[in-house]
Amino acid sequence: MHARSIVLATSLLLAVPLVAGLPQAASAQAADALDEEIMSSAGFLAAHPDLQNRGRGWEAYNAGRFDEALTWFRRAARYADKPSQGMIAEMLWKGEGVERDPALAYAWMDLAAERHYRGFVLLRERYWAQLDEAQRQEAMIRGEAVYAEYGDVVAKPRIASVLRRERRQSTGSRTGFVGSLQIMVPGPGGVMQTIDGSRYYASKFWDPEEYQAWHDAVWKDPPTGRVDVGEIEPLRGEADDQATPSGRVGPARGSDGD
């Protein structure tokens, strides 16, 4: 039976559990409550199309609107959102909202595992073990087009450009200096609360490199219990065993343990 770990992981409706999923002291958890308010605000999400479209995709998926969910996940995937790329792979693998396509599903999961996030790597290897030789070859060929449009080489610059532009436009400063800027966001019960601009515009949310590092810290090696991929089925025969880690359809990368 196919594991649902990717669904669990991608249940990050917005960005909120990205923070909540990390091991933290109680004081840090309390501080992150403010981050959650920031990240769930409409203005913040409008400036982060990866998170906004992932959230829309997950909402549609939960409602059983799979065609719509795929559309949103693809939009998020263009901005280097690995969880959305993984959800596309899962939907292709299971035939949700689209005809089942194991070869293309593998190509998408290989892409989701591009940064060696443990949960996606395990699912990628599970897929590979269940493909026959013809499907593996097909995955290699079709995966080139997937990487050309959604791989980090082209997708990271897209989200980086948006983050820099939105920060400049919002702060009114070419350098992004926030000064005494105050931001109003909806708090509990819809009550508006004021947040210091330095918190709202924390570099982890807006600096492309730090934003990437923030995501990596969460997804690279999730805490035990956050990602459950089930048992990985053994490959068929020693020759196949020598083929793992699986074939790669994208640019050459380091070992999955990097």
Protein backbone atom coordinates (compact mmCIF):
# COMPACT_ATOMS: atom_id res chain seq x y z
CA MET A 1 0.00 0.00 0.00
CA HIS A 2 1.37 3.40 -0.95
CA ALA A 3 2.60 5.51 1.95
CA ARG A 4 0.89 8.80 2.69
CA SER A 5 3.86 10.51 4.25
CA ILE A 6 4.03 13.14 1.55
CA VAL A 7 0.40 14.03 2.23
CA LEU A 8 1.17 14.40 5.92
CA ALA A 9 4.23 16.49 5.20
CA THR A 10 2.43 18.70 2.71
CA SER A 11 -0.45 19.36 5.04
CA LEU A 12 1.40 22.58 5.74
CA LEU A 13 -1.63 24.54 4.71
CA LEU A 14 0.29 27.76 4.63
CA ALA A 15 3.74 27.98 6.12
CA VAL A 16 2.77 27.67 9.76
CA PRO A 17 3.86 24.10 10.55
CA LEU A 18 7.18 24.75 8.84
CA VAL A 19 8.12 26.45 12.09
CA ALA A 20 6.05 24.32 14.44
CA GLY A 21 7.62 21.15 13.07
CA LEU A 22 11.06 21.94 14.39
CA PRO A 23 12.24 20.84 17.85
CA GLN A 24 12.27 23.96 20.00
CA ALA A 25 12.30 25.09 23.58
CA ALA A 26 9.03 26.32 25.05
CA SER A 27 10.16 29.94 24.84
CA ALA A 28 11.00 29.53 21.17
CA GLN A 29 7.62 27.94 20.52
CA ALA A 30 5.91 30.90 22.10
CA ALA A 31 7.94 33.25 19.93
CA ASP A 32 7.02 31.28 16.84
CA ALA A 33 3.34 31.94 17.48
CA LEU A 34 4.01 35.42 16.16
CA ASP A 35 5.75 33.95 13.11
CA GLU A 36 2.63 31.90 12.46
CA GLU A 37 0.50 35.02 12.49
CA ILE A 38 2.89 36.69 10.08
CA MET A 39 3.03 33.75 7.68
CA SER A 40 -0.72 33.27 7.57
CA SER A 41 -1.43 36.90 6.71
CA ALA A 42 -2.71 37.67 3.22
CA GLY A 43 0.01 40.22 2.52
CA PHE A 44 2.78 37.80 3.42
CA LEU A 45 1.35 34.98 1.33
CA ALA A 46 0.83 37.25 -1.67
CA ALA A 47 4.57 37.91 -1.58
CA HIS A 48 5.43 34.19 -1.27
CA PRO A 49 3.80 32.40 -4.22
CA ASP A 50 5.40 29.09 -3.26
CA LEU A 51 3.60 29.01 0.11
CA GLN A 52 0.42 30.66 -1.12
CA ASN A 53 -0.11 28.25 -4.01
CA ARG A 54 0.87 25.23 -1.91
CA GLY A 55 -1.76 26.22 0.63
CA ARG A 56 -4.40 26.62 -2.08
CA GLY A 57 -3.40 23.29 -3.53
CA TRP A 58 -3.70 21.52 -0.21
CA GLU A 59 -7.09 23.11 0.46
CA ALA A 60 -8.37 21.89 -2.92
CA TYR A 61 -6.85 18.45 -2.36
CA ASN A 62 -8.56 18.07 1.01
CA ALA A 63 -11.86 18.99 -0.63
CA GLY A 64 -11.35 16.34 -3.32
CA ARG A 65 -10.90 18.91 -6.09
CA PHE A 66 -7.88 17.13 -7.51
CA ASP A 67 -7.75 18.88 -10.89
CA GLU A 68 -7.68 22.23 -9.12
CA ALA A 69 -5.14 20.98 -6.59
CA LEU A 70 -2.75 19.95 -9.36
CA THR A 71 -3.01 23.41 -10.89
CA TRP A 72 -2.06 25.11 -7.61
CA PHE A 73 0.73 22.65 -6.84
CA ARG A 74 2.21 23.21 -10.29
CA ARG A 75 2.19 26.95 -9.71
CA ALA A 76 3.96 26.51 -6.39
CA ALA A 77 6.39 24.07 -8.01
CA ARG A 78 7.56 26.78 -10.41
CA TYR A 79 8.88 28.64 -7.37
CA ALA A 80 11.07 25.75 -6.19
CA ASP A 81 8.54 24.44 -3.67
CA LYS A 82 9.65 20.86 -3.03
CA PRO A 83 6.55 19.77 -1.03
CA SER A 84 4.33 20.80 -3.94
CA GLN A 85 6.55 18.93 -6.38
CA GLY A 86 6.24 15.89 -4.13
CA MET A 87 2.44 16.22 -4.07
CA ILE A 88 2.35 16.30 -7.86
CA ALA A 89 4.38 13.09 -7.86
CA GLU A 90 1.99 11.44 -5.40
CA MET A 91 -1.08 12.45 -7.40
CA LEU A 92 0.45 11.13 -10.61
CA TRP A 93 1.45 7.93 -8.84
CA LYS A 94 -2.05 7.35 -7.47
CA GLY A 95 -3.97 8.77 -10.44
CA GLU A 96 -5.68 11.57 -8.53
CA GLY A 97 -7.07 14.22 -10.86
CA VAL A 98 -5.04 12.76 -13.70
CA GLU A 99 -4.45 9.40 -15.36
CA ARG A 100 -2.00 7.32 -13.35
CA ASP A 101 1.50 7.80 -14.73
CA PRO A 102 4.24 6.03 -12.72
CA ALA A 103 7.12 7.12 -14.96
CA LEU A 104 6.22 10.80 -14.79
CA ALA A 105 5.48 10.45 -11.07
CA TYR A 106 9.01 9.20 -10.55
CA ALA A 107 10.43 12.17 -12.48
CA TRP A 108 8.54 14.55 -10.21
CA MET A 109 9.58 12.76 -7.03
CA ASP A 110 13.19 12.79 -8.21
CA LEU A 111 12.79 16.53 -8.57
CA ALA A 112 11.24 16.82 -5.09
CA ALA A 113 14.29 14.96 -3.76
CA GLU A 114 16.69 17.29 -5.56
CA ARG A 115 17.89 18.79 -2.27
CA HIS A 116 18.09 15.38 -0.58
CA TYR A 117 15.18 15.92 1.81
CA ARG A 118 14.91 12.57 3.54
CA GLY A 119 11.19 11.93 3.14
CA PHE A 120 11.24 12.65 -0.58
CA VAL A 121 14.39 10.61 -1.16
CA LEU A 122 12.78 7.58 0.49
CA LEU A 123 9.65 7.92 -1.60
CA ARG A 124 11.70 8.35 -4.76
CA GLU A 125 13.51 5.07 -4.05
CA ARG A 126 10.21 3.37 -3.31
CA TYR A 127 8.89 4.49 -6.69
CA TRP A 128 12.03 3.32 -8.48
CA ALA A 129 11.75 -0.13 -6.94
CA GLN A 130 8.25 -0.51 -8.39
CA LEU A 131 9.01 0.62 -11.94
CA ASP A 132 9.86 -1.87 -14.64
CA GLU A 133 12.81 -1.25 -16.94
CA ALA A 134 10.72 0.40 -19.66
CA GLN A 135 9.17 2.78 -17.14
CA ARG A 136 12.58 3.65 -15.76
CA GLN A 137 13.85 4.57 -19.18
CA GLU A 138 10.70 6.59 -19.83
CA ALA A 139 11.17 8.42 -16.52
CA MET A 140 14.71 9.41 -17.51
CA ILE A 141 13.52 10.87 -20.81
CA ARG A 142 10.43 12.68 -19.55
CA GLY A 143 12.21 13.93 -16.48
CA GLU A 144 14.44 16.20 -18.55
CA ALA A 145 11.48 18.42 -19.43
CA VAL A 146 10.34 18.48 -15.81
CA TYR A 147 13.75 19.67 -14.65
CA ALA A 148 13.98 22.22 -17.47
CA GLU A 149 10.83 23.95 -16.21
CA TYR A 150 10.83 23.26 -12.46
CA GLY A 151 14.37 22.35 -11.40
CA ASP A 152 16.19 24.50 -8.85
CA VAL A 153 18.46 25.95 -11.52
CA VAL A 154 15.51 27.84 -12.97
CA ALA A 155 13.01 27.81 -10.10
CA LYS A 156 15.20 29.24 -7.34
CA PRO A 157 15.87 32.45 -9.31
CA ARG A 158 12.10 32.87 -9.75
CA ILE A 159 11.33 32.87 -6.04
CA ALA A 160 14.45 34.92 -5.29
CA SER A 161 13.31 37.61 -7.71
CA VAL A 162 9.84 37.73 -6.16
CA LEU A 163 11.16 37.95 -2.61
CA ARG A 164 13.52 40.81 -3.43
CA ARG A 165 10.89 42.71 -5.41
CA GLU A 166 8.15 42.33 -2.81
CA ARG A 167 10.42 43.38 0.03
CA ARG A 168 11.52 46.52 -1.83
CA GLN A 169 7.95 47.43 -2.75
CA SER A 170 6.61 46.84 0.74
CA THR A 171 9.29 48.71 2.62
CA GLY A 172 9.72 51.45 0.05
CA SER A 173 13.48 51.07 0.33
CA ARG A 174 15.92 49.75 -2.23
CA THR A 175 17.93 48.23 0.58
CA GLY A 176 14.90 46.81 2.36
CA PHE A 177 15.55 48.96 5.46
CA VAL A 178 12.43 48.85 7.63
CA GLY A 179 13.26 51.53 10.18
CA SER A 180 10.30 52.02 12.53
CA LEU A 181 7.86 50.39 10.11
CA GLN A 182 4.85 48.76 11.78
CA ILE A 183 2.82 46.00 10.12
CA MET A 184 -0.84 45.22 10.85
CA VAL A 185 -1.88 41.55 10.57
CA PRO A 186 -4.98 39.68 11.74
CA GLY A 187 -4.49 38.09 15.15
CA PRO A 188 -6.55 35.50 17.03
CA GLY A 189 -10.26 35.96 16.43
CA GLY A 190 -9.56 38.33 13.56
CA VAL A 191 -8.39 41.11 15.85
CA MET A 192 -5.73 43.19 14.12
CA GLN A 193 -2.37 43.32 15.82
CA THR A 194 0.70 45.40 15.19
CA ILE A 195 4.00 43.68 14.44
CA ASP A 196 7.34 45.39 14.35
CA GLY A 197 8.65 45.62 10.80
CA SER A 198 11.95 44.07 11.76
CA ARG A 199 10.10 40.89 12.78
CA TYR A 200 7.83 40.82 9.75
CA TYR A 201 10.77 41.39 7.42
CA ALA A 202 13.11 38.97 9.17
CA SER A 203 15.75 37.86 6.70
CA LYS A 204 14.68 34.21 6.89
CA PHE A 205 11.43 35.24 5.19
CA TRP A 206 12.84 37.56 2.54
CA ASP A 207 16.53 36.99 1.87
CA PRO A 208 16.64 34.28 -0.85
CA GLU A 209 19.58 32.40 0.64
CA GLU A 210 18.28 32.50 4.20
CA TYR A 211 14.78 31.64 3.00
CA GLN A 212 16.23 28.56 1.33
CA ALA A 213 18.21 27.65 4.43
CA TRP A 214 15.05 27.98 6.53
CA HIS A 215 13.21 25.51 4.32
CA ASP A 216 16.19 23.17 4.27
CA ALA A 217 16.35 23.14 8.06
CA VAL A 218 12.78 21.86 8.20
CA TRP A 219 12.69 19.42 5.30
CA LYS A 220 16.22 18.04 5.13
CA ASP A 221 15.86 15.66 8.06
CA PRO A 222 12.45 16.01 9.74
CA PRO A 223 12.13 14.98 13.39
CA THR A 224 11.15 11.37 13.98
CA GLY A 225 7.40 10.94 13.57
CA ARG A 226 6.89 13.84 11.20
CA VAL A 227 7.53 11.79 8.08
CA ASP A 228 6.46 8.14 7.90
CA VAL A 229 7.14 6.59 4.53
CA GLY A 230 6.57 2.98 5.56
CA GLU A 231 8.75 0.12 4.49
CA ILE A 232 10.78 0.48 1.32
CA GLU A 233 10.18 -2.54 -0.89
CA PRO A 234 13.36 -4.42 -1.86
CA LEU A 235 14.52 -4.15 -5.42
CA ARG A 236 14.23 -7.12 -7.72
CA GLY A 237 17.58 -8.89 -7.93
CA GLU A 238 21.17 -7.94 -7.23
CA ALA A 239 21.54 -6.05 -10.49
CA ASP A 240 18.74 -3.72 -9.50
CA ASP A 241 20.23 -3.41 -6.04
CA GLN A 242 23.40 -2.08 -7.60
CA ALA A 243 21.29 0.51 -9.39
CA THR A 244 20.31 2.27 -6.18
CA PRO A 245 20.35 5.09 -5.42
CA SER A 246 17.96 5.29 -8.35
CA GLY A 247 18.56 6.75 -11.75
CA ARG A 248 18.73 10.53 -11.82
CA VAL A 249 16.90 12.62 -14.37
CA GLY A 250 18.29 15.97 -13.26
CA PRO A 251 21.73 17.55 -12.95
CA ALA A 252 24.44 15.56 -11.22
CA ARG A 253 24.22 15.94 -7.47
CA GLY A 254 26.06 14.80 -4.38
CA SER A 255 25.14 11.82 -2.28
CA ASP A 256 21.75 11.77 -0.62
CA GLY A 257 23.39 12.00 2.74
CA ASP A 258 24.80 15.47 2.04
